[in-house]
Amino acid sequence: MSFFKRLFGGGGESSSGADAGAAKVLKEVEHKGFLVRATPFKQDGQFQTCGVVSKEIGGAVKEHRFVRADRFAGVDDAVDISIRKGIQLIDEQGERLFG
């Protein structure tokens, strides 16, 4: 499958749940009023670091989805790193994530 098909969701079964609507939340934590959800997905036999940072602002829920190049053999490692990356984004950017 081509890189662009995987990137833009044209992958059918092998896109492995990378679409935001199909992402399975494996762990979530609250940090400084934000919610960090780990949503790693299986890609080429490994688990890709992926997650969502969200916060309610002015009555609307704002979300920032992130995917990193880090891959792991075990899902637990991918979940832990996804949570850590989300917390790092919050600490570095705060609400600017949504702007």
PDB file of N, CA and C in Angstrom:
ATOM      1  N   MET A   1       0.843  -1.160   0.000  1.00  0.00           N
ATOM      2  CA  MET A   1       0.000   0.000   0.000  1.00  0.00           C
ATOM      3  C   MET A   1       0.898   1.234   0.000  1.00  0.00           C
ATOM      4  N   SER A   2       0.478   2.255  -0.698  1.00  0.00           N
ATOM      5  CA  SER A   2       1.314   3.443  -0.794  1.00  0.00           C
ATOM      6  C   SER A   2       1.283   4.260   0.486  1.00  0.00           C
ATOM      7  N   PHE A   3       2.330   5.038   0.647  1.00  0.00           N
ATOM      8  CA  PHE A   3       2.454   5.915   1.815  1.00  0.00           C
ATOM      9  C   PHE A   3       1.263   6.870   1.904  1.00  0.00           C
ATOM     10  N   PHE A   4       0.862   7.453   0.795  1.00  0.00           N
ATOM     11  CA  PHE A   4      -0.215   8.444   0.808  1.00  0.00           C
ATOM     12  C   PHE A   4      -1.573   7.826   1.154  1.00  0.00           C
ATOM     13  N   LYS A   5      -1.805   6.596   0.722  1.00  0.00           N
ATOM     14  CA  LYS A   5      -3.058   5.935   1.084  1.00  0.00           C
ATOM     15  C   LYS A   5      -3.125   5.703   2.587  1.00  0.00           C
ATOM     16  N   ARG A   6      -2.000   5.277   3.187  1.00  0.00           N
ATOM     17  CA  ARG A   6      -1.984   5.080   4.640  1.00  0.00           C
ATOM     18  C   ARG A   6      -2.135   6.409   5.358  1.00  0.00           C
ATOM     19  N   LEU A   7      -1.456   7.434   4.855  1.00  0.00           N
ATOM     20  CA  LEU A   7      -1.475   8.744   5.499  1.00  0.00           C
ATOM     21  C   LEU A   7      -2.867   9.357   5.496  1.00  0.00           C
ATOM     22  N   PHE A   8      -3.582   9.227   4.394  1.00  0.00           N
ATOM     23  CA  PHE A   8      -4.881   9.867   4.273  1.00  0.00           C
ATOM     24  C   PHE A   8      -6.066   8.925   4.448  1.00  0.00           C
ATOM     25  N   GLY A   9      -5.819   7.742   4.988  1.00  0.00           N
ATOM     26  CA  GLY A   9      -6.914   6.863   5.387  1.00  0.00           C
ATOM     27  C   GLY A   9      -7.490   5.997   4.301  1.00  0.00           C
ATOM     28  N   GLY A  10      -6.796   5.796   3.189  1.00  0.00           N
ATOM     29  CA  GLY A  10      -7.311   4.957   2.124  1.00  0.00           C
ATOM     30  C   GLY A  10      -6.845   3.530   2.245  1.00  0.00           C
ATOM     31  N   GLY A  11      -6.521   3.092   3.452  1.00  0.00           N
ATOM     32  CA  GLY A  11      -5.874   1.809   3.614  1.00  0.00           C
ATOM     33  C   GLY A  11      -6.768   0.641   3.919  1.00  0.00           C
ATOM     34  N   GLY A  12      -8.060   0.830   4.069  1.00  0.00           N
ATOM     35  CA  GLY A  12      -8.918  -0.294   4.403  1.00  0.00           C
ATOM     36  C   GLY A  12      -8.511  -0.934   5.707  1.00  0.00           C
ATOM     37  N   GLU A  13      -8.453  -2.254   5.736  1.00  0.00           N
ATOM     38  CA  GLU A  13      -8.111  -2.985   6.949  1.00  0.00           C
ATOM     39  C   GLU A  13      -6.706  -2.703   7.449  1.00  0.00           C
ATOM     40  N   SER A  14      -5.759  -2.587   6.560  1.00  0.00           N
ATOM     41  CA  SER A  14      -4.372  -2.471   6.995  1.00  0.00           C
ATOM     42  C   SER A  14      -4.025  -1.096   7.539  1.00  0.00           C
ATOM     43  N   SER A  15      -4.943  -0.113   7.471  1.00  0.00           N
ATOM     44  CA  SER A  15      -4.642   1.189   8.073  1.00  0.00           C
ATOM     45  C   SER A  15      -4.701   1.109   9.586  1.00  0.00           C
ATOM     46  N   SER A  16      -5.216   0.030  10.121  1.00  0.00           N
ATOM     47  CA  SER A  16      -5.119  -0.382  11.522  1.00  0.00           C
ATOM     48  C   SER A  16      -5.655   0.594  12.552  1.00  0.00           C
ATOM     49  N   GLY A  17      -6.720   1.298  12.227  1.00  0.00           N
ATOM     50  CA  GLY A  17      -7.351   2.126  13.242  1.00  0.00           C
ATOM     51  C   GLY A  17      -6.681   3.453  13.465  1.00  0.00           C
ATOM     52  N   ALA A  18      -5.895   3.933  12.550  1.00  0.00           N
ATOM     53  CA  ALA A  18      -5.204   5.201  12.730  1.00  0.00           C
ATOM     54  C   ALA A  18      -6.149   6.387  12.575  1.00  0.00           C
ATOM     55  N   ASP A  19      -7.340   6.189  12.032  1.00  0.00           N
ATOM     56  CA  ASP A  19      -8.300   7.275  11.895  1.00  0.00           C
ATOM     57  C   ASP A  19      -8.789   7.704  13.261  1.00  0.00           C
ATOM     58  N   ALA A  20      -8.979   9.011  13.445  1.00  0.00           N
ATOM     59  CA  ALA A  20      -9.374   9.538  14.752  1.00  0.00           C
ATOM     60  C   ALA A  20     -10.679   8.917  15.239  1.00  0.00           C
ATOM     61  N   GLY A  21     -11.646   8.700  14.341  1.00  0.00           N
ATOM     62  CA  GLY A  21     -12.923   8.143  14.750  1.00  0.00           C
ATOM     63  C   GLY A  21     -12.841   6.687  15.165  1.00  0.00           C
ATOM     64  N   ALA A  22     -11.850   5.974  14.658  1.00  0.00           N
ATOM     65  CA  ALA A  22     -11.722   4.552  14.934  1.00  0.00           C
ATOM     66  C   ALA A  22     -10.707   4.255  16.031  1.00  0.00           C
ATOM     67  N   ALA A  23     -10.087   5.293  16.570  1.00  0.00           N
ATOM     68  CA  ALA A  23      -9.027   5.092  17.558  1.00  0.00           C
ATOM     69  C   ALA A  23      -9.588   4.495  18.844  1.00  0.00           C
ATOM     70  N   LYS A  24      -8.918   3.477  19.329  1.00  0.00           N
ATOM     71  CA  LYS A  24      -9.316   2.829  20.570  1.00  0.00           C
ATOM     72  C   LYS A  24      -8.483   3.408  21.714  1.00  0.00           C
ATOM     73  N   VAL A  25      -9.157   3.977  22.697  1.00  0.00           N
ATOM     74  CA  VAL A  25      -8.471   4.560  23.847  1.00  0.00           C
ATOM     75  C   VAL A  25      -8.060   3.435  24.784  1.00  0.00           C
ATOM     76  N   LEU A  26      -6.742   3.319  25.020  1.00  0.00           N
ATOM     77  CA  LEU A  26      -6.232   2.259  25.874  1.00  0.00           C
ATOM     78  C   LEU A  26      -5.927   2.739  27.289  1.00  0.00           C
ATOM     79  N   LYS A  27      -5.733   4.045  27.453  1.00  0.00           N
ATOM     80  CA  LYS A  27      -5.499   4.626  28.772  1.00  0.00           C
ATOM     81  C   LYS A  27      -5.746   6.116  28.670  1.00  0.00           C
ATOM     82  N   GLU A  28      -6.244   6.702  29.752  1.00  0.00           N
ATOM     83  CA  GLU A  28      -6.389   8.147  29.782  1.00  0.00           C
ATOM     84  C   GLU A  28      -6.030   8.677  31.160  1.00  0.00           C
ATOM     85  N   VAL A  29      -5.421   9.864  31.148  1.00  0.00           N
ATOM     86  CA  VAL A  29      -5.037  10.514  32.392  1.00  0.00           C
ATOM     87  C   VAL A  29      -5.380  11.992  32.294  1.00  0.00           C
ATOM     88  N   GLU A  30      -5.604  12.624  33.447  1.00  0.00           N
ATOM     89  CA  GLU A  30      -5.840  14.059  33.522  1.00  0.00           C
ATOM     90  C   GLU A  30      -4.526  14.709  33.917  1.00  0.00           C
ATOM     91  N   HIS A  31      -4.222  15.847  33.266  1.00  0.00           N
ATOM     92  CA  HIS A  31      -2.988  16.582  33.574  1.00  0.00           C
ATOM     93  C   HIS A  31      -3.255  18.073  33.377  1.00  0.00           C
ATOM     94  N   LYS A  32      -3.186  18.830  34.464  1.00  0.00           N
ATOM     95  CA  LYS A  32      -3.361  20.292  34.435  1.00  0.00           C
ATOM     96  C   LYS A  32      -4.676  20.714  33.767  1.00  0.00           C
ATOM     97  N   GLY A  33      -5.733  19.966  33.998  1.00  0.00           N
ATOM     98  CA  GLY A  33      -7.038  20.302  33.428  1.00  0.00           C
ATOM     99  C   GLY A  33      -7.270  19.779  32.021  1.00  0.00           C
ATOM    100  N   PHE A  34      -6.286  19.119  31.438  1.00  0.00           N
ATOM    101  CA  PHE A  34      -6.395  18.505  30.122  1.00  0.00           C
ATOM    102  C   PHE A  34      -6.615  17.006  30.301  1.00  0.00           C
ATOM    103  N   LEU A  35      -7.158  16.366  29.291  1.00  0.00           N
ATOM    104  CA  LEU A  35      -7.291  14.915  29.270  1.00  0.00           C
ATOM    105  C   LEU A  35      -6.364  14.375  28.188  1.00  0.00           C
ATOM    106  N   VAL A  36      -5.510  13.431  28.554  1.00  0.00           N
ATOM    107  CA  VAL A  36      -4.607  12.787  27.601  1.00  0.00           C
ATOM    108  C   VAL A  36      -5.089  11.354  27.417  1.00  0.00           C
ATOM    109  N   ARG A  37      -5.365  10.983  26.162  1.00  0.00           N
ATOM    110  CA  ARG A  37      -5.817   9.625  25.849  1.00  0.00           C
ATOM    111  C   ARG A  37      -4.784   8.968  24.935  1.00  0.00           C
ATOM    112  N   ALA A  38      -4.334   7.792  25.329  1.00  0.00           N
ATOM    113  CA  ALA A  38      -3.401   7.014  24.510  1.00  0.00           C
ATOM    114  C   ALA A  38      -4.185   6.168  23.527  1.00  0.00           C
ATOM    115  N   THR A  39      -3.867   6.312  22.237  1.00  0.00           N
ATOM    116  CA  THR A  39      -4.563   5.574  21.181  1.00  0.00           C
ATOM    117  C   THR A  39      -3.569   4.948  20.191  1.00  0.00           C
ATOM    118  N   PRO A  40      -2.558   4.223  20.692  1.00  0.00           N
ATOM    119  CA  PRO A  40      -1.599   3.638  19.755  1.00  0.00           C
ATOM    120  C   PRO A  40      -2.282   2.640  18.832  1.00  0.00           C
ATOM    121  N   PHE A  41      -1.708   2.493  17.637  1.00  0.00           N
ATOM    122  CA  PHE A  41      -2.279   1.560  16.672  1.00  0.00           C
ATOM    123  C   PHE A  41      -1.163   0.696  16.094  1.00  0.00           C
ATOM    124  N   LYS A  42      -1.555  -0.475  15.623  1.00  0.00           N
ATOM    125  CA  LYS A  42      -0.581  -1.421  15.083  1.00  0.00           C
ATOM    126  C   LYS A  42      -0.257  -1.052  13.639  1.00  0.00           C
ATOM    127  N   GLN A  43       1.036  -0.949  13.361  1.00  0.00           N
ATOM    128  CA  GLN A  43       1.511  -0.586  12.028  1.00  0.00           C
ATOM    129  C   GLN A  43       2.751  -1.422  11.728  1.00  0.00           C
ATOM    130  N   ASP A  44       2.705  -2.210  10.689  1.00  0.00           N
ATOM    131  CA  ASP A  44       3.843  -3.032  10.280  1.00  0.00           C
ATOM    132  C   ASP A  44       4.372  -3.911  11.417  1.00  0.00           C
ATOM    133  N   GLY A  45       3.474  -4.474  12.200  1.00  0.00           N
ATOM    134  CA  GLY A  45       3.855  -5.406  13.252  1.00  0.00           C
ATOM    135  C   GLY A  45       4.295  -4.774  14.558  1.00  0.00           C
ATOM    136  N   GLN A  46       4.261  -3.429  14.623  1.00  0.00           N
ATOM    137  CA  GLN A  46       4.617  -2.739  15.853  1.00  0.00           C
ATOM    138  C   GLN A  46       3.522  -1.739  16.206  1.00  0.00           C
ATOM    139  N   PHE A  47       3.603  -1.188  17.417  1.00  0.00           N
ATOM    140  CA  PHE A  47       2.594  -0.237  17.870  1.00  0.00           C
ATOM    141  C   PHE A  47       3.135   1.181  17.767  1.00  0.00           C
ATOM    142  N   GLN A  48       2.409   2.017  17.015  1.00  0.00           N
ATOM    143  CA  GLN A  48       2.788   3.411  16.741  1.00  0.00           C
ATOM    144  C   GLN A  48       2.312   4.305  17.880  1.00  0.00           C
ATOM    145  N   THR A  49       3.177   5.215  18.319  1.00  0.00           N
ATOM    146  CA  THR A  49       2.833   6.187  19.354  1.00  0.00           C
ATOM    147  C   THR A  49       1.780   7.141  18.808  1.00  0.00           C
ATOM    148  N   CYS A  50       0.647   7.248  19.506  1.00  0.00           N
ATOM    149  CA  CYS A  50      -0.453   8.079  19.039  1.00  0.00           C
ATOM    150  C   CYS A  50      -1.346   8.416  20.226  1.00  0.00           C
ATOM    151  N   GLY A  51      -1.941   9.606  20.205  1.00  0.00           N
ATOM    152  CA  GLY A  51      -2.831   9.981  21.288  1.00  0.00           C
ATOM    153  C   GLY A  51      -3.620  11.234  20.972  1.00  0.00           C
ATOM    154  N   VAL A  52      -4.454  11.619  21.926  1.00  0.00           N
ATOM    155  CA  VAL A  52      -5.293  12.807  21.804  1.00  0.00           C
ATOM    156  C   VAL A  52      -5.214  13.587  23.103  1.00  0.00           C
ATOM    157  N   VAL A  53      -4.990  14.901  22.978  1.00  0.00           N
ATOM    158  CA  VAL A  53      -5.043  15.809  24.119  1.00  0.00           C
ATOM    159  C   VAL A  53      -6.309  16.635  23.945  1.00  0.00           C
ATOM    160  N   SER A  54      -7.136  16.721  24.990  1.00  0.00           N
ATOM    161  CA  SER A  54      -8.373  17.490  24.878  1.00  0.00           C
ATOM    162  C   SER A  54      -8.611  18.310  26.136  1.00  0.00           C
ATOM    163  N   LYS A  55      -9.428  19.356  25.953  1.00  0.00           N
ATOM    164  CA  LYS A  55      -9.804  20.213  27.073  1.00  0.00           C
ATOM    165  C   LYS A  55     -11.069  20.960  26.682  1.00  0.00           C
ATOM    166  N   GLU A  56     -11.955  21.154  27.664  1.00  0.00           N
ATOM    167  CA  GLU A  56     -13.146  21.956  27.426  1.00  0.00           C
ATOM    168  C   GLU A  56     -12.773  23.425  27.615  1.00  0.00           C
ATOM    169  N   ILE A  57     -13.013  24.212  26.570  1.00  0.00           N
ATOM    170  CA  ILE A  57     -12.708  25.636  26.586  1.00  0.00           C
ATOM    171  C   ILE A  57     -13.937  26.381  26.084  1.00  0.00           C
ATOM    172  N   GLY A  58     -14.482  27.246  26.924  1.00  0.00           N
ATOM    173  CA  GLY A  58     -15.652  28.025  26.518  1.00  0.00           C
ATOM    174  C   GLY A  58     -16.855  27.182  26.154  1.00  0.00           C
ATOM    175  N   GLY A  59     -17.024  26.062  26.821  1.00  0.00           N
ATOM    176  CA  GLY A  59     -18.169  25.192  26.577  1.00  0.00           C
ATOM    177  C   GLY A  59     -17.997  24.219  25.424  1.00  0.00           C
ATOM    178  N   ALA A  60     -16.875  24.295  24.712  1.00  0.00           N
ATOM    179  CA  ALA A  60     -16.614  23.383  23.592  1.00  0.00           C
ATOM    180  C   ALA A  60     -15.367  22.554  23.904  1.00  0.00           C
ATOM    181  N   VAL A  61     -15.412  21.301  23.525  1.00  0.00           N
ATOM    182  CA  VAL A  61     -14.261  20.423  23.726  1.00  0.00           C
ATOM    183  C   VAL A  61     -13.325  20.582  22.532  1.00  0.00           C
ATOM    184  N   LYS A  62     -12.092  20.978  22.832  1.00  0.00           N
ATOM    185  CA  LYS A  62     -11.050  21.125  21.811  1.00  0.00           C
ATOM    186  C   LYS A  62     -10.146  19.907  21.894  1.00  0.00           C
ATOM    187  N   GLU A  63      -9.713  19.406  20.724  1.00  0.00           N
ATOM    188  CA  GLU A  63      -8.853  18.232  20.685  1.00  0.00           C
ATOM    189  C   GLU A  63      -7.658  18.463  19.781  1.00  0.00           C
ATOM    190  N   HIS A  64      -6.539  17.865  20.185  1.00  0.00           N
ATOM    191  CA  HIS A  64      -5.335  17.861  19.359  1.00  0.00           C
ATOM    192  C   HIS A  64      -4.858  16.415  19.279  1.00  0.00           C
ATOM    193  N   ARG A  65      -4.852  15.862  18.096  1.00  0.00           N
ATOM    194  CA  ARG A  65      -4.401  14.481  17.880  1.00  0.00           C
ATOM    195  C   ARG A  65      -2.939  14.511  17.470  1.00  0.00           C
ATOM    196  N   PHE A  66      -2.147  13.619  18.025  1.00  0.00           N
ATOM    197  CA  PHE A  66      -0.740  13.548  17.668  1.00  0.00           C
ATOM    198  C   PHE A  66      -0.344  12.120  17.334  1.00  0.00           C
ATOM    199  N   VAL A  67       0.566  11.999  16.397  1.00  0.00           N
ATOM    200  CA  VAL A  67       1.158  10.723  16.010  1.00  0.00           C
ATOM    201  C   VAL A  67       2.659  10.965  15.952  1.00  0.00           C
ATOM    202  N   ARG A  68       3.421  10.103  16.566  1.00  0.00           N
ATOM    203  CA  ARG A  68       4.875  10.217  16.568  1.00  0.00           C
ATOM    204  C   ARG A  68       5.486   9.024  15.852  1.00  0.00           C
ATOM    205  N   ALA A  69       6.712   9.174  15.444  1.00  0.00           N
ATOM    206  CA  ALA A  69       7.399   8.119  14.688  1.00  0.00           C
ATOM    207  C   ALA A  69       7.784   6.926  15.558  1.00  0.00           C
ATOM    208  N   ASP A  70       7.771   7.105  16.878  1.00  0.00           N
ATOM    209  CA  ASP A  70       8.177   6.037  17.787  1.00  0.00           C
ATOM    210  C   ASP A  70       7.281   4.812  17.634  1.00  0.00           C
ATOM    211  N   ARG A  71       7.908   3.653  17.522  1.00  0.00           N
ATOM    212  CA  ARG A  71       7.166   2.384  17.447  1.00  0.00           C
ATOM    213  C   ARG A  71       7.751   1.421  18.460  1.00  0.00           C
ATOM    214  N   PHE A  72       6.882   0.539  18.955  1.00  0.00           N
ATOM    215  CA  PHE A  72       7.270  -0.402  20.005  1.00  0.00           C
ATOM    216  C   PHE A  72       6.700  -1.783  19.708  1.00  0.00           C
ATOM    217  N   ALA A  73       7.419  -2.800  20.152  1.00  0.00           N
ATOM    218  CA  ALA A  73       6.954  -4.178  19.971  1.00  0.00           C
ATOM    219  C   ALA A  73       5.749  -4.463  20.857  1.00  0.00           C
ATOM    220  N   GLY A  74       5.722  -3.859  22.051  1.00  0.00           N
ATOM    221  CA  GLY A  74       4.635  -4.107  22.988  1.00  0.00           C
ATOM    222  C   GLY A  74       3.681  -2.932  23.105  1.00  0.00           C
ATOM    223  N   VAL A  75       2.409  -3.240  23.219  1.00  0.00           N
ATOM    224  CA  VAL A  75       1.396  -2.189  23.310  1.00  0.00           C
ATOM    225  C   VAL A  75       1.539  -1.383  24.601  1.00  0.00           C
ATOM    226  N   ASP A  76       1.948  -2.017  25.694  1.00  0.00           N
ATOM    227  CA  ASP A  76       2.094  -1.294  26.961  1.00  0.00           C
ATOM    228  C   ASP A  76       3.133  -0.178  26.864  1.00  0.00           C
ATOM    229  N   ASP A  77       4.236  -0.451  26.180  1.00  0.00           N
ATOM    230  CA  ASP A  77       5.257   0.583  25.991  1.00  0.00           C
ATOM    231  C   ASP A  77       4.708   1.731  25.142  1.00  0.00           C
ATOM    232  N   ALA A  78       3.972   1.399  24.094  1.00  0.00           N
ATOM    233  CA  ALA A  78       3.391   2.430  23.228  1.00  0.00           C
ATOM    234  C   ALA A  78       2.385   3.284  23.997  1.00  0.00           C
ATOM    235  N   VAL A  79       1.610   2.674  24.874  1.00  0.00           N
ATOM    236  CA  VAL A  79       0.636   3.414  25.692  1.00  0.00           C
ATOM    237  C   VAL A  79       1.366   4.363  26.633  1.00  0.00           C
ATOM    238  N   ASP A  80       2.381   3.863  27.321  1.00  0.00           N
ATOM    239  CA  ASP A  80       3.130   4.693  28.268  1.00  0.00           C
ATOM    240  C   ASP A  80       3.775   5.893  27.580  1.00  0.00           C
ATOM    241  N   ILE A  81       4.396   5.678  26.438  1.00  0.00           N
ATOM    242  CA  ILE A  81       5.054   6.771  25.721  1.00  0.00           C
ATOM    243  C   ILE A  81       4.019   7.739  25.151  1.00  0.00           C
ATOM    244  N   SER A  82       2.882   7.242  24.701  1.00  0.00           N
ATOM    245  CA  SER A  82       1.822   8.119  24.196  1.00  0.00           C
ATOM    246  C   SER A  82       1.335   9.065  25.289  1.00  0.00           C
ATOM    247  N   ILE A  83       1.156   8.540  26.494  1.00  0.00           N
ATOM    248  CA  ILE A  83       0.741   9.382  27.631  1.00  0.00           C
ATOM    249  C   ILE A  83       1.827  10.407  27.941  1.00  0.00           C
ATOM    250  N   ARG A  84       3.078   9.973  27.980  1.00  0.00           N
ATOM    251  CA  ARG A  84       4.189  10.899  28.276  1.00  0.00           C
ATOM    252  C   ARG A  84       4.308  11.993  27.226  1.00  0.00           C
ATOM    253  N   LYS A  85       4.122  11.652  25.953  1.00  0.00           N
ATOM    254  CA  LYS A  85       4.190  12.649  24.879  1.00  0.00           C
ATOM    255  C   LYS A  85       3.046  13.653  25.002  1.00  0.00           C
ATOM    256  N   GLY A  86       1.855  13.176  25.356  1.00  0.00           N
ATOM    257  CA  GLY A  86       0.723  14.080  25.553  1.00  0.00           C
ATOM    258  C   GLY A  86       0.978  15.056  26.689  1.00  0.00           C
ATOM    259  N   ILE A  87       1.511  14.566  27.784  1.00  0.00           N
ATOM    260  CA  ILE A  87       1.837  15.417  28.936  1.00  0.00           C
ATOM    261  C   ILE A  87       2.917  16.426  28.543  1.00  0.00           C
ATOM    262  N   GLN A  88       3.888  15.988  27.776  1.00  0.00           N
ATOM    263  CA  GLN A  88       4.945  16.893  27.312  1.00  0.00           C
ATOM    264  C   GLN A  88       4.359  18.013  26.451  1.00  0.00           C
ATOM    265  N   LEU A  89       3.425  17.686  25.566  1.00  0.00           N
ATOM    266  CA  LEU A  89       2.773  18.705  24.739  1.00  0.00           C
ATOM    267  C   LEU A  89       2.051  19.730  25.601  1.00  0.00           C
ATOM    268  N   ILE A  90       1.344  19.258  26.615  1.00  0.00           N
ATOM    269  CA  ILE A  90       0.620  20.164  27.519  1.00  0.00           C
ATOM    270  C   ILE A  90       1.610  21.070  28.238  1.00  0.00           C
ATOM    271  N   ASP A  91       2.673  20.501  28.783  1.00  0.00           N
ATOM    272  CA  ASP A  91       3.654  21.290  29.535  1.00  0.00           C
ATOM    273  C   ASP A  91       4.340  22.323  28.648  1.00  0.00           C
ATOM    274  N   GLU A  92       4.577  21.994  27.385  1.00  0.00           N
ATOM    275  CA  GLU A  92       5.270  22.903  26.495  1.00  0.00           C
ATOM    276  C   GLU A  92       4.356  23.945  25.849  1.00  0.00           C
ATOM    277  N   GLN A  93       3.109  23.558  25.513  1.00  0.00           N
ATOM    278  CA  GLN A  93       2.261  24.434  24.717  1.00  0.00           C
ATOM    279  C   GLN A  93       0.952  24.844  25.391  1.00  0.00           C
ATOM    280  N   GLY A  94       0.475  24.068  26.331  1.00  0.00           N
ATOM    281  CA  GLY A  94      -0.790  24.406  26.999  1.00  0.00           C
ATOM    282  C   GLY A  94      -1.917  24.559  25.987  1.00  0.00           C
ATOM    283  N   GLU A  95      -2.752  25.578  26.160  1.00  0.00           N
ATOM    284  CA  GLU A  95      -3.907  25.785  25.293  1.00  0.00           C
ATOM    285  C   GLU A  95      -3.528  26.210  23.875  1.00  0.00           C
ATOM    286  N   ARG A  96      -2.272  26.590  23.646  1.00  0.00           N
ATOM    287  CA  ARG A  96      -1.833  26.934  22.294  1.00  0.00           C
ATOM    288  C   ARG A  96      -1.920  25.726  21.347  1.00  0.00           C
ATOM    289  N   LEU A  97      -2.037  24.525  21.913  1.00  0.00           N
ATOM    290  CA  LEU A  97      -2.216  23.321  21.096  1.00  0.00           C
ATOM    291  C   LEU A  97      -3.418  23.462  20.171  1.00  0.00           C
ATOM    292  N   PHE A  98      -4.412  24.189  20.591  1.00  0.00           N
ATOM    293  CA  PHE A  98      -5.672  24.251  19.875  1.00  0.00           C
ATOM    294  C   PHE A  98      -5.781  25.482  18.983  1.00  0.00           C
ATOM    295  N   GLY A  99      -4.764  26.307  18.954  1.00  0.00           N
ATOM    296  CA  GLY A  99      -4.833  27.567  18.204  1.00  0.00           C
ATOM    297  C   GLY A  99      -4.184  27.468  16.909  1.00  0.00           C
TER     298      GLY A  99
END
